[in-house]
Amino acid sequence: MSLISPINIGPNRIDVPVILAPMTGVTDMPFRMLVKRFGAGLTVTEMIASEAMIRETRQSLQKAAWHASEDPISMQLAGCEPGRMADAAKLNEQKGAAIIDINMGCPVKKVVNGHAGSSLMRDLPLATQLIRATVRAVELPVTLKMRMGWDHQSLNAPELARIAEGEGVQLITVHGRTRNQLYTGSADWAYVANVKQAVRLPVIVNGDICSIDDARTALAQSGADGVMIGRGAYGKPWLIGQVMAALTGRDVPADPGLAAQHALVREHYDLMLALYGPLNGVNLARKHLGWYTKGLHDSAQFRHAVNQISDAATVTDMIDRFYAAQEQLPALQAAA
């Protein structure tokens, strides 16, 4: 029996709304491509500052890069000036985005101090202007991602959701924490039910969904129409596809074997080198290598060693030797 139903975001039908969360420094095009291959209802770009998007900085263009296999792609924008958000949304529309997502949930100090992200939940008049300008600027559907509120004394997500619905937003995602919680404590999936009851729009629940059981519980507690998975997918681009299968009553695919994981890590690494160049690619890939190898034999030593290396070819060789050793372990243990 399916626990989840298709939703529509404008003209885009999402058959199984299990969505990869936008995560700065993580959900770039290489990672999203792999996640989409295993299965994802929708992928969302890293958060892109509207001002950087307009100036087309190298970093913003890398963040906005997407692959045809991801279609429809949702581009997430952050900002605090309605006119600049509108201009950035238009630019992404011209570049082929299918959906514009407005970030009002990022808790990072640098973003909040710039009056963007979750700081907008403390200024609903400005948030309203920002949403209105973005929606009116494009023909694309606009969605909104938020938290429960700034802190537990100002849980205003239902109010902001009603405003967003009135301004033409077509989907709401709620991370079940306040801004002041950052990523501490536990996500309050049950609170998201207040947002679901406040609007007629599809609502997506987000935060701490790291397994199939988490996804089932989050849906049950929130009454949401779908789930968004972020940190749970670190080193496991196959997780979202597994959750999709479980929620639709299909057989859940097993985790890839070691040989398949080796090939996947190599592909991911090569894609990062191609997008960022050798130097930046090596540096940015380190966290992914750590996540992929966590829990494997001698992974701590591997991570420590690989984090000292800046030469792309040397790292490639280290990856190959590490996984070759992993694949030899059962034979070695049997011989012992």
Foldseek 3Di string as FASTA:
>chain_A
DFQFAWDDQDPDIQGAAAEADADPLQQFALLVVLLVVLNHSAYEFHEAELVCLVVVDLVNVRRLDYDPSRPQYEYEYKAQDQVSLLVSLLVSVVVPHQEYEYAQAQLDPVRVVRVIHVVCLVPLVSVLSNLLSNPVSDPHAYEYEHELHQAPVRRCLLVSLLSNVVSRHAEYEYFQHHSVCNQDDFRDLLSLLSNVVSDPHAYEYETPQQALVSQVVSCVNNVGNHYYYYPSCQLPSNRSSQNSQVNGVHDGDDGDDLVVLLVSLLSSLVVLCVSPNQQVSLQSCLSSLLRNCPPAPCSVVLSVVSNVDRGSVVSNVSSVVVSVVRVCVVVVVVVD
